[in-house]
Amino acid sequence: MHLETETITYRNGTVLRIASLGPKYAEAFLRFMRQVSEETHFMARYGDEIDLTPEAVAAERKNQGVLANDERQGMISIFNGDAIIGNIAVRSVGKGRKSAHRCSVGLAVLKEFQGYGLGTILMQTAIDFAKKAGYEYMELGVFSDNSRAKGMYKKLGFVESGCLPDAFRLDSGESIGEITMYRKL
């Protein structure tokens, strides 16, 4: 996926940049994922489970290269300078023709930048991309206790289609369900 770089003005007047990721951002992306995963339990992994070794960066670089050259998949990030502060991934569901009409998304925004519409900007950008890429449905999973995210997704036209109880188990022992949501594009 290639998205022309755009600028957006953050509420405090800071100019941010929204662009597709590529191989050169592999380490920055992993650092972003580690930070956002340390800030909240709403991510699928804990921060210390995100590897920053040279081998992990090389693997992510390869992954980013594949996505950057795929017309139907990719990652879009919001940057504050050179730092990634928000990201959304658009991925095909499956590899065959039977599911070629479906894509999934995963969204994350650093805690410091939440509540200012950046998640909505990323979701809308992903929705627009998915439509142009020929997808008919977009789907996602969200922690059942993440009411802020569920509200945003509903505002953007997503509907709940089910819940997997006990989908995630925190180190504290708490069990949290995952809500599946989808949107017809």
N, C-alpha and C. Protein backbone atom coordinates (compact mmCIF):
# COMPACT_ATOMS: atom_id res chain seq x y z
N MET A 1 0.84 -1.16 0.00
CA MET A 1 0.00 0.00 0.00
C MET A 1 0.89 1.23 0.00
N HIS A 2 0.53 2.14 -0.83
CA HIS A 2 1.22 3.42 -0.79
C HIS A 2 0.18 4.52 -0.64
N LEU A 3 0.35 5.31 0.40
CA LEU A 3 -0.54 6.43 0.68
C LEU A 3 0.29 7.70 0.56
N GLU A 4 -0.17 8.64 -0.22
CA GLU A 4 0.54 9.91 -0.31
C GLU A 4 0.56 10.57 1.07
N THR A 5 1.71 11.06 1.45
CA THR A 5 1.86 11.70 2.76
C THR A 5 1.00 12.96 2.83
N GLU A 6 0.27 13.07 3.93
CA GLU A 6 -0.56 14.25 4.18
C GLU A 6 -0.18 14.83 5.53
N THR A 7 -0.53 16.07 5.75
CA THR A 7 -0.33 16.67 7.06
C THR A 7 -1.69 16.96 7.69
N ILE A 8 -1.72 16.84 8.99
CA ILE A 8 -2.92 17.19 9.76
C ILE A 8 -2.46 18.05 10.92
N THR A 9 -3.32 18.95 11.35
CA THR A 9 -2.99 19.81 12.48
C THR A 9 -3.68 19.28 13.72
N TYR A 10 -2.86 18.93 14.69
CA TYR A 10 -3.33 18.42 15.97
C TYR A 10 -3.99 19.56 16.74
N ARG A 11 -4.84 19.26 17.69
CA ARG A 11 -5.61 20.28 18.42
C ARG A 11 -4.75 21.37 19.05
N ASN A 12 -3.52 21.04 19.45
CA ASN A 12 -2.67 22.06 20.08
C ASN A 12 -1.86 22.84 19.05
N GLY A 13 -2.14 22.62 17.74
CA GLY A 13 -1.46 23.35 16.68
C GLY A 13 -0.26 22.62 16.09
N THR A 14 0.14 21.50 16.69
CA THR A 14 1.26 20.73 16.16
C THR A 14 0.86 20.12 14.82
N VAL A 15 1.74 20.21 13.85
CA VAL A 15 1.50 19.61 12.54
C VAL A 15 2.03 18.18 12.56
N LEU A 16 1.13 17.25 12.28
CA LEU A 16 1.47 15.83 12.25
C LEU A 16 1.42 15.35 10.80
N ARG A 17 2.04 14.23 10.56
CA ARG A 17 2.07 13.67 9.22
C ARG A 17 1.46 12.28 9.25
N ILE A 18 0.64 12.00 8.23
CA ILE A 18 0.04 10.68 8.09
C ILE A 18 0.59 10.07 6.80
N ALA A 19 1.12 8.85 6.91
CA ALA A 19 1.77 8.22 5.76
C ALA A 19 1.75 6.71 5.91
N SER A 20 1.95 6.01 4.80
CA SER A 20 2.09 4.56 4.87
C SER A 20 3.48 4.22 5.39
N LEU A 21 3.53 3.09 6.05
CA LEU A 21 4.81 2.61 6.57
C LEU A 21 5.55 1.86 5.47
N GLY A 22 6.81 1.67 5.70
CA GLY A 22 7.64 0.88 4.81
C GLY A 22 8.80 0.33 5.61
N PRO A 23 9.68 -0.40 4.97
CA PRO A 23 10.77 -1.08 5.68
C PRO A 23 11.64 -0.18 6.55
N LYS A 24 11.84 1.06 6.16
CA LYS A 24 12.72 1.93 6.94
C LYS A 24 12.14 2.28 8.31
N TYR A 25 10.86 2.02 8.51
CA TYR A 25 10.21 2.34 9.79
C TYR A 25 10.07 1.13 10.71
N ALA A 26 10.70 0.01 10.37
CA ALA A 26 10.52 -1.23 11.14
C ALA A 26 10.84 -1.05 12.62
N GLU A 27 11.99 -0.49 12.93
CA GLU A 27 12.35 -0.34 14.34
C GLU A 27 11.44 0.65 15.05
N ALA A 28 11.12 1.77 14.39
CA ALA A 28 10.22 2.76 14.98
C ALA A 28 8.85 2.14 15.25
N PHE A 29 8.38 1.29 14.33
CA PHE A 29 7.09 0.64 14.52
C PHE A 29 7.12 -0.30 15.71
N LEU A 30 8.17 -1.11 15.83
CA LEU A 30 8.26 -2.01 16.98
C LEU A 30 8.34 -1.25 18.29
N ARG A 31 9.07 -0.15 18.31
CA ARG A 31 9.15 0.68 19.53
C ARG A 31 7.79 1.27 19.87
N PHE A 32 7.06 1.72 18.85
CA PHE A 32 5.70 2.22 19.05
C PHE A 32 4.82 1.12 19.64
N MET A 33 4.87 -0.06 19.05
CA MET A 33 4.03 -1.16 19.54
C MET A 33 4.39 -1.54 20.97
N ARG A 34 5.67 -1.52 21.28
CA ARG A 34 6.08 -1.83 22.65
C ARG A 34 5.51 -0.78 23.61
N GLN A 35 5.64 0.50 23.25
CA GLN A 35 5.16 1.56 24.13
C GLN A 35 3.65 1.50 24.32
N VAL A 36 2.91 1.39 23.23
CA VAL A 36 1.45 1.38 23.34
C VAL A 36 0.99 0.13 24.10
N SER A 37 1.70 -0.98 23.96
CA SER A 37 1.34 -2.21 24.67
C SER A 37 1.68 -2.13 26.15
N GLU A 38 2.62 -1.28 26.52
CA GLU A 38 2.94 -1.04 27.93
C GLU A 38 1.94 -0.08 28.57
N GLU A 39 1.32 0.77 27.77
CA GLU A 39 0.42 1.80 28.29
C GLU A 39 -0.99 1.30 28.59
N THR A 40 -1.40 0.21 27.97
CA THR A 40 -2.77 -0.25 28.11
C THR A 40 -2.86 -1.77 28.02
N HIS A 41 -3.90 -2.33 28.58
CA HIS A 41 -4.10 -3.78 28.44
C HIS A 41 -4.95 -4.09 27.20
N PHE A 42 -5.32 -3.08 26.43
CA PHE A 42 -6.18 -3.29 25.26
C PHE A 42 -5.45 -3.83 24.04
N MET A 43 -4.19 -4.14 24.17
CA MET A 43 -3.42 -4.71 23.06
C MET A 43 -3.32 -6.23 23.27
N ALA A 44 -3.09 -6.97 22.20
CA ALA A 44 -3.05 -8.43 22.27
C ALA A 44 -1.82 -8.96 22.99
N ARG A 45 -0.76 -8.14 23.07
CA ARG A 45 0.48 -8.56 23.75
C ARG A 45 0.88 -7.51 24.78
N TYR A 46 1.67 -7.95 25.73
CA TYR A 46 2.31 -7.02 26.66
C TYR A 46 3.54 -6.42 25.98
N GLY A 47 3.94 -5.24 26.42
CA GLY A 47 5.09 -4.57 25.84
C GLY A 47 6.36 -5.39 25.88
N ASP A 48 6.58 -6.11 26.99
CA ASP A 48 7.81 -6.90 27.09
C ASP A 48 7.81 -8.13 26.17
N GLU A 49 6.70 -8.40 25.50
CA GLU A 49 6.62 -9.50 24.55
C GLU A 49 6.98 -9.05 23.13
N ILE A 50 7.23 -7.75 22.95
CA ILE A 50 7.59 -7.22 21.64
C ILE A 50 9.11 -7.11 21.58
N ASP A 51 9.66 -7.92 20.73
CA ASP A 51 11.10 -8.09 20.60
C ASP A 51 11.72 -6.94 19.81
N LEU A 52 12.80 -6.37 20.33
CA LEU A 52 13.51 -5.28 19.65
C LEU A 52 14.92 -5.70 19.23
N THR A 53 15.19 -7.00 19.19
CA THR A 53 16.51 -7.48 18.79
C THR A 53 16.73 -7.18 17.30
N PRO A 54 17.98 -7.18 16.86
CA PRO A 54 18.25 -6.97 15.43
C PRO A 54 17.50 -7.96 14.54
N GLU A 55 17.34 -9.20 15.00
CA GLU A 55 16.62 -10.21 14.21
C GLU A 55 15.14 -9.84 14.09
N ALA A 56 14.55 -9.36 15.18
CA ALA A 56 13.14 -8.96 15.16
C ALA A 56 12.94 -7.75 14.26
N VAL A 57 13.86 -6.81 14.32
CA VAL A 57 13.77 -5.62 13.45
C VAL A 57 13.89 -6.04 11.99
N ALA A 58 14.81 -6.96 11.69
CA ALA A 58 14.98 -7.44 10.32
C ALA A 58 13.71 -8.14 9.83
N ALA A 59 13.09 -8.94 10.68
CA ALA A 59 11.85 -9.63 10.31
C ALA A 59 10.73 -8.61 10.06
N GLU A 60 10.67 -7.59 10.92
CA GLU A 60 9.64 -6.55 10.73
C GLU A 60 9.92 -5.74 9.46
N ARG A 61 11.19 -5.50 9.18
CA ARG A 61 11.56 -4.79 7.95
C ARG A 61 11.05 -5.56 6.73
N LYS A 62 11.23 -6.88 6.76
CA LYS A 62 10.75 -7.73 5.66
C LYS A 62 9.22 -7.66 5.56
N ASN A 63 8.54 -7.76 6.70
CA ASN A 63 7.08 -7.66 6.74
C ASN A 63 6.60 -6.32 6.18
N GLN A 64 7.25 -5.25 6.60
CA GLN A 64 6.87 -3.92 6.11
C GLN A 64 7.10 -3.80 4.60
N GLY A 65 8.15 -4.43 4.10
CA GLY A 65 8.41 -4.41 2.66
C GLY A 65 7.31 -5.11 1.88
N VAL A 66 6.88 -6.26 2.38
CA VAL A 66 5.80 -7.00 1.74
C VAL A 66 4.53 -6.15 1.72
N LEU A 67 4.18 -5.57 2.87
CA LEU A 67 2.97 -4.76 2.95
C LEU A 67 3.05 -3.51 2.08
N ALA A 68 4.21 -2.89 2.04
CA ALA A 68 4.38 -1.66 1.25
C ALA A 68 4.17 -1.92 -0.24
N ASN A 69 4.44 -3.16 -0.67
CA ASN A 69 4.29 -3.50 -2.09
C ASN A 69 2.99 -4.22 -2.40
N ASP A 70 2.09 -4.29 -1.45
CA ASP A 70 0.81 -4.97 -1.64
C ASP A 70 -0.27 -3.91 -1.86
N GLU A 71 -0.98 -4.02 -2.95
CA GLU A 71 -2.01 -3.03 -3.28
C GLU A 71 -3.25 -3.14 -2.42
N ARG A 72 -3.40 -4.25 -1.69
CA ARG A 72 -4.62 -4.45 -0.90
C ARG A 72 -4.37 -4.52 0.60
N GLN A 73 -3.13 -4.38 1.04
CA GLN A 73 -2.82 -4.44 2.46
C GLN A 73 -1.78 -3.38 2.78
N GLY A 74 -1.68 -3.05 4.06
CA GLY A 74 -0.63 -2.12 4.45
C GLY A 74 -0.86 -1.53 5.82
N MET A 75 0.05 -0.64 6.19
CA MET A 75 -0.03 0.06 7.46
C MET A 75 0.05 1.55 7.22
N ILE A 76 -0.75 2.26 7.99
CA ILE A 76 -0.78 3.72 7.92
C ILE A 76 -0.46 4.23 9.31
N SER A 77 0.44 5.19 9.40
CA SER A 77 0.83 5.73 10.70
C SER A 77 0.68 7.24 10.72
N ILE A 78 0.48 7.74 11.92
CA ILE A 78 0.55 9.18 12.17
C ILE A 78 1.86 9.42 12.89
N PHE A 79 2.62 10.37 12.39
CA PHE A 79 3.94 10.71 12.93
C PHE A 79 3.91 12.09 13.57
N ASN A 80 4.60 12.20 14.69
CA ASN A 80 4.93 13.48 15.31
C ASN A 80 6.44 13.59 15.17
N GLY A 81 6.90 14.34 14.18
CA GLY A 81 8.31 14.32 13.82
C GLY A 81 8.62 12.96 13.24
N ASP A 82 9.61 12.26 13.79
CA ASP A 82 9.95 10.92 13.31
C ASP A 82 9.32 9.82 14.15
N ALA A 83 8.58 10.20 15.19
CA ALA A 83 7.99 9.21 16.09
C ALA A 83 6.58 8.83 15.64
N ILE A 84 6.30 7.53 15.62
CA ILE A 84 4.96 7.04 15.33
C ILE A 84 4.12 7.21 16.59
N ILE A 85 2.96 7.86 16.45
CA ILE A 85 2.08 8.06 17.60
C ILE A 85 0.74 7.35 17.43
N GLY A 86 0.47 6.86 16.22
CA GLY A 86 -0.74 6.11 15.94
C GLY A 86 -0.54 5.26 14.71
N ASN A 87 -1.21 4.12 14.66
CA ASN A 87 -1.04 3.21 13.52
C ASN A 87 -2.30 2.39 13.31
N ILE A 88 -2.56 2.10 12.05
CA ILE A 88 -3.63 1.16 11.71
C ILE A 88 -3.12 0.24 10.61
N ALA A 89 -3.42 -1.04 10.75
CA ALA A 89 -3.05 -2.03 9.75
C ALA A 89 -4.31 -2.52 9.05
N VAL A 90 -4.24 -2.63 7.73
CA VAL A 90 -5.32 -3.20 6.93
C VAL A 90 -4.76 -4.48 6.32
N ARG A 91 -5.42 -5.59 6.62
CA ARG A 91 -4.93 -6.89 6.13
C ARG A 91 -6.08 -7.69 5.54
N SER A 92 -5.76 -8.45 4.52
CA SER A 92 -6.75 -9.36 3.93
C SER A 92 -7.09 -10.45 4.95
N VAL A 93 -8.32 -10.91 4.89
CA VAL A 93 -8.73 -12.05 5.70
C VAL A 93 -8.57 -13.26 4.81
N GLY A 94 -7.64 -14.11 5.13
CA GLY A 94 -7.38 -15.28 4.31
C GLY A 94 -6.59 -14.94 3.06
N LYS A 95 -6.29 -15.96 2.28
CA LYS A 95 -5.48 -15.78 1.08
C LYS A 95 -6.23 -16.16 -0.20
N GLY A 96 -7.39 -16.76 -0.06
CA GLY A 96 -8.09 -17.26 -1.23
C GLY A 96 -9.23 -16.39 -1.69
N ARG A 97 -9.84 -16.79 -2.78
CA ARG A 97 -10.94 -16.04 -3.38
C ARG A 97 -12.18 -15.99 -2.48
N LYS A 98 -12.37 -17.03 -1.65
CA LYS A 98 -13.57 -17.10 -0.83
C LYS A 98 -13.67 -15.96 0.18
N SER A 99 -12.53 -15.44 0.60
CA SER A 99 -12.56 -14.34 1.58
C SER A 99 -11.95 -13.05 1.03
N ALA A 100 -11.77 -12.97 -0.28
CA ALA A 100 -11.12 -11.80 -0.90
C ALA A 100 -11.91 -10.51 -0.71
N HIS A 101 -13.16 -10.61 -0.32
CA HIS A 101 -14.00 -9.43 -0.13
C HIS A 101 -13.90 -8.86 1.30
N ARG A 102 -13.09 -9.51 2.16
CA ARG A 102 -13.01 -9.11 3.57
C ARG A 102 -11.60 -8.66 3.94
N CYS A 103 -11.56 -7.63 4.80
CA CYS A 103 -10.27 -7.22 5.39
C CYS A 103 -10.48 -7.01 6.88
N SER A 104 -9.38 -7.05 7.61
CA SER A 104 -9.42 -6.78 9.04
C SER A 104 -8.52 -5.60 9.33
N VAL A 105 -8.80 -4.92 10.43
CA VAL A 105 -7.98 -3.77 10.84
C VAL A 105 -7.59 -3.91 12.30
N GLY A 106 -6.44 -3.32 12.62
CA GLY A 106 -5.97 -3.22 14.00
C GLY A 106 -5.47 -1.81 14.20
N LEU A 107 -5.92 -1.16 15.25
CA LEU A 107 -5.66 0.26 15.49
C LEU A 107 -5.02 0.46 16.85
N ALA A 108 -4.06 1.39 16.92
CA ALA A 108 -3.46 1.77 18.20
C ALA A 108 -3.01 3.23 18.13
N VAL A 109 -3.22 3.94 19.24
CA VAL A 109 -2.77 5.33 19.37
C VAL A 109 -2.14 5.45 20.76
N LEU A 110 -0.98 6.11 20.83
CA LEU A 110 -0.33 6.30 22.13
C LEU A 110 -1.27 7.04 23.07
N LYS A 111 -1.21 6.68 24.34
CA LYS A 111 -2.11 7.23 25.36
C LYS A 111 -2.11 8.77 25.38
N GLU A 112 -0.95 9.35 25.27
CA GLU A 112 -0.81 10.81 25.32
C GLU A 112 -1.60 11.51 24.21
N PHE A 113 -1.85 10.81 23.10
CA PHE A 113 -2.52 11.41 21.95
C PHE A 113 -3.95 10.92 21.76
N GLN A 114 -4.48 10.17 22.71
CA GLN A 114 -5.84 9.67 22.61
C GLN A 114 -6.84 10.76 22.97
N GLY A 115 -8.04 10.63 22.42
CA GLY A 115 -9.12 11.56 22.74
C GLY A 115 -9.13 12.81 21.88
N TYR A 116 -8.33 12.84 20.83
CA TYR A 116 -8.25 14.03 19.97
C TYR A 116 -8.61 13.73 18.53
N GLY A 117 -9.22 12.59 18.28
CA GLY A 117 -9.69 12.27 16.94
C GLY A 117 -8.70 11.57 16.03
N LEU A 118 -7.51 11.25 16.52
CA LEU A 118 -6.53 10.60 15.65
C LEU A 118 -6.95 9.19 15.27
N GLY A 119 -7.58 8.46 16.19
CA GLY A 119 -8.08 7.13 15.88
C GLY A 119 -9.14 7.19 14.79
N THR A 120 -10.01 8.18 14.86
CA THR A 120 -11.05 8.35 13.84
C THR A 120 -10.42 8.66 12.49
N ILE A 121 -9.39 9.51 12.48
CA ILE A 121 -8.69 9.83 11.23
C ILE A 121 -8.07 8.57 10.64
N LEU A 122 -7.40 7.78 11.46
CA LEU A 122 -6.79 6.55 10.97
C LEU A 122 -7.85 5.57 10.46
N MET A 123 -8.95 5.41 11.20
CA MET A 123 -10.01 4.49 10.77
C MET A 123 -10.62 4.95 9.46
N GLN A 124 -10.90 6.23 9.32
CA GLN A 124 -11.50 6.72 8.09
C GLN A 124 -10.55 6.56 6.91
N THR A 125 -9.27 6.78 7.15
CA THR A 125 -8.27 6.57 6.09
C THR A 125 -8.25 5.10 5.68
N ALA A 126 -8.31 4.20 6.66
CA ALA A 126 -8.32 2.76 6.37
C ALA A 126 -9.59 2.35 5.63
N ILE A 127 -10.72 2.90 6.03
CA ILE A 127 -11.99 2.61 5.35
C ILE A 127 -11.92 3.05 3.89
N ASP A 128 -11.44 4.26 3.66
CA ASP A 128 -11.31 4.77 2.29
C ASP A 128 -10.38 3.89 1.47
N PHE A 129 -9.24 3.50 2.06
CA PHE A 129 -8.30 2.63 1.36
C PHE A 129 -8.95 1.29 1.03
N ALA A 130 -9.64 0.70 2.02
CA ALA A 130 -10.25 -0.62 1.82
C ALA A 130 -11.30 -0.59 0.70
N LYS A 131 -12.08 0.47 0.64
CA LYS A 131 -13.06 0.59 -0.45
C LYS A 131 -12.35 0.62 -1.80
N LYS A 132 -11.31 1.45 -1.91
CA LYS A 132 -10.56 1.55 -3.17
C LYS A 132 -9.89 0.23 -3.53
N ALA A 133 -9.49 -0.54 -2.52
CA ALA A 133 -8.82 -1.83 -2.75
C ALA A 133 -9.82 -2.93 -3.14
N GLY A 134 -11.11 -2.62 -3.09
CA GLY A 134 -12.12 -3.59 -3.52
C GLY A 134 -12.72 -4.45 -2.43
N TYR A 135 -12.41 -4.15 -1.19
CA TYR A 135 -13.03 -4.91 -0.09
C TYR A 135 -14.49 -4.50 0.07
N GLU A 136 -15.30 -5.44 0.54
CA GLU A 136 -16.71 -5.17 0.79
C GLU A 136 -17.04 -5.13 2.27
N TYR A 137 -16.21 -5.79 3.08
CA TYR A 137 -16.42 -5.83 4.53
C TYR A 137 -15.10 -5.56 5.24
N MET A 138 -15.21 -4.85 6.35
CA MET A 138 -14.06 -4.61 7.23
C MET A 138 -14.46 -5.14 8.60
N GLU A 139 -13.53 -5.85 9.24
CA GLU A 139 -13.83 -6.42 10.54
C GLU A 139 -12.70 -6.17 11.52
N LEU A 140 -13.02 -6.27 12.80
CA LEU A 140 -12.03 -6.03 13.84
C LEU A 140 -12.46 -6.72 15.12
N GLY A 141 -11.51 -6.84 16.03
CA GLY A 141 -11.78 -7.33 17.37
C GLY A 141 -11.41 -6.25 18.36
N VAL A 142 -12.19 -6.12 19.42
CA VAL A 142 -11.94 -5.10 20.43
C VAL A 142 -12.19 -5.71 21.81
N PHE A 143 -11.34 -5.37 22.76
CA PHE A 143 -11.54 -5.85 24.14
C PHE A 143 -12.93 -5.41 24.61
N SER A 144 -13.63 -6.31 25.27
CA SER A 144 -15.01 -6.03 25.68
C SER A 144 -15.11 -4.87 26.67
N ASP A 145 -14.03 -4.57 27.39
CA ASP A 145 -14.07 -3.46 28.35
C ASP A 145 -13.53 -2.15 27.77
N ASN A 146 -13.30 -2.09 26.47
CA ASN A 146 -12.78 -0.88 25.83
C ASN A 146 -13.95 -0.07 25.26
N SER A 147 -14.68 0.58 26.15
CA SER A 147 -15.89 1.29 25.74
C SER A 147 -15.59 2.48 24.82
N ARG A 148 -14.47 3.14 25.01
CA ARG A 148 -14.11 4.28 24.15
C ARG A 148 -13.94 3.82 22.70
N ALA A 149 -13.20 2.74 22.49
CA ALA A 149 -12.98 2.23 21.13
C ALA A 149 -14.30 1.72 20.53
N LYS A 150 -15.07 0.98 21.31
CA LYS A 150 -16.35 0.48 20.80
C LYS A 150 -17.25 1.63 20.36
N GLY A 151 -17.25 2.71 21.13
CA GLY A 151 -18.06 3.88 20.77
C GLY A 151 -17.61 4.50 19.45
N MET A 152 -16.30 4.62 19.27
CA MET A 152 -15.77 5.18 18.02
C MET A 152 -16.14 4.28 16.84
N TYR A 153 -15.96 2.96 17.00
CA TYR A 153 -16.26 2.05 15.91
C TYR A 153 -17.75 2.12 15.55
N LYS A 154 -18.61 2.17 16.54
CA LYS A 154 -20.05 2.28 16.27
C LYS A 154 -20.37 3.59 15.55
N LYS A 155 -19.72 4.67 15.95
CA LYS A 155 -19.91 5.96 15.30
C LYS A 155 -19.53 5.89 13.82
N LEU A 156 -18.56 5.04 13.50
CA LEU A 156 -18.09 4.89 12.12
C LEU A 156 -18.84 3.80 11.36
N GLY A 157 -19.91 3.27 11.95
CA GLY A 157 -20.77 2.34 11.23
C GLY A 157 -20.51 0.86 11.48
N PHE A 158 -19.66 0.53 12.44
CA PHE A 158 -19.41 -0.87 12.76
C PHE A 158 -20.51 -1.39 13.68
N VAL A 159 -20.83 -2.67 13.52
CA VAL A 159 -21.82 -3.31 14.39
C VAL A 159 -21.20 -4.54 15.03
N GLU A 160 -21.65 -4.85 16.23
CA GLU A 160 -21.15 -6.03 16.94
C GLU A 160 -21.75 -7.28 16.32
N SER A 161 -20.92 -8.31 16.18
CA SER A 161 -21.43 -9.56 15.62
C SER A 161 -21.19 -10.75 16.54
N GLY A 162 -20.54 -10.54 17.67
CA GLY A 162 -20.33 -11.64 18.60
C GLY A 162 -19.30 -11.30 19.65
N CYS A 163 -19.17 -12.18 20.62
CA CYS A 163 -18.19 -11.99 21.69
C CYS A 163 -17.60 -13.34 22.05
N LEU A 164 -16.29 -13.37 22.15
CA LEU A 164 -15.59 -14.55 22.64
C LEU A 164 -15.21 -14.27 24.09
N PRO A 165 -15.93 -14.87 25.04
CA PRO A 165 -15.58 -14.63 26.44
C PRO A 165 -14.22 -15.26 26.74
N ASP A 166 -13.52 -14.70 27.67
CA ASP A 166 -12.24 -15.26 28.10
C ASP A 166 -11.21 -15.30 26.95
N ALA A 167 -11.29 -14.32 26.04
CA ALA A 167 -10.36 -14.27 24.90
C ALA A 167 -8.96 -13.87 25.35
N PHE A 168 -8.89 -13.05 26.38
CA PHE A 168 -7.60 -12.57 26.88
C PHE A 168 -7.53 -12.78 28.39
N ARG A 169 -6.35 -13.19 28.85
CA ARG A 169 -6.12 -13.34 30.28
C ARG A 169 -4.94 -12.48 30.66
N LEU A 170 -5.22 -11.51 31.52
CA LEU A 170 -4.18 -10.60 31.97
C LEU A 170 -3.29 -11.28 33.00
N ASP A 171 -2.09 -10.75 33.19
CA ASP A 171 -1.18 -11.30 34.19
C ASP A 171 -1.81 -11.30 35.58
N SER A 172 -2.74 -10.37 35.80
CA SER A 172 -3.43 -10.29 37.09
C SER A 172 -4.39 -11.45 37.30
N GLY A 173 -4.68 -12.20 36.24
CA GLY A 173 -5.64 -13.29 36.32
C GLY A 173 -7.00 -12.91 35.77
N GLU A 174 -7.22 -11.61 35.55
CA GLU A 174 -8.50 -11.15 35.01
C GLU A 174 -8.70 -11.67 33.59
N SER A 175 -9.92 -12.08 33.32
CA SER A 175 -10.30 -12.56 31.99
C SER A 175 -11.16 -11.51 31.31
N ILE A 176 -10.86 -11.24 30.03
CA ILE A 176 -11.59 -10.22 29.28
C ILE A 176 -12.03 -10.81 27.94
N GLY A 177 -13.26 -10.52 27.56
CA GLY A 177 -13.79 -11.00 26.29
C GLY A 177 -13.34 -10.12 25.13
N GLU A 178 -13.51 -10.67 23.92
CA GLU A 178 -13.23 -9.90 22.71
C GLU A 178 -14.51 -9.80 21.89
N ILE A 179 -14.90 -8.57 21.58
CA ILE A 179 -16.06 -8.29 20.75
C ILE A 179 -15.61 -8.26 19.30
N THR A 180 -16.31 -8.96 18.43
CA THR A 180 -16.07 -8.90 17.00
C THR A 180 -17.05 -7.89 16.42
N MET A 181 -16.51 -7.00 15.58
CA MET A 181 -17.34 -5.98 14.93
C MET A 181 -17.02 -5.99 13.44
N TYR A 182 -18.00 -5.57 12.63
CA TYR A 182 -17.78 -5.48 11.20
C TYR A 182 -18.53 -4.27 10.64
N ARG A 183 -18.15 -3.92 9.44
CA ARG A 183 -18.81 -2.83 8.72
C ARG A 183 -18.85 -3.19 7.24
N LYS A 184 -20.01 -3.02 6.64
CA LYS A 184 -20.13 -3.17 5.19
C LYS A 184 -19.60 -1.88 4.58
N LEU A 185 -18.72 -2.01 3.60
CA LEU A 185 -18.09 -0.84 2.97
C LEU A 185 -18.90 -0.33 1.79
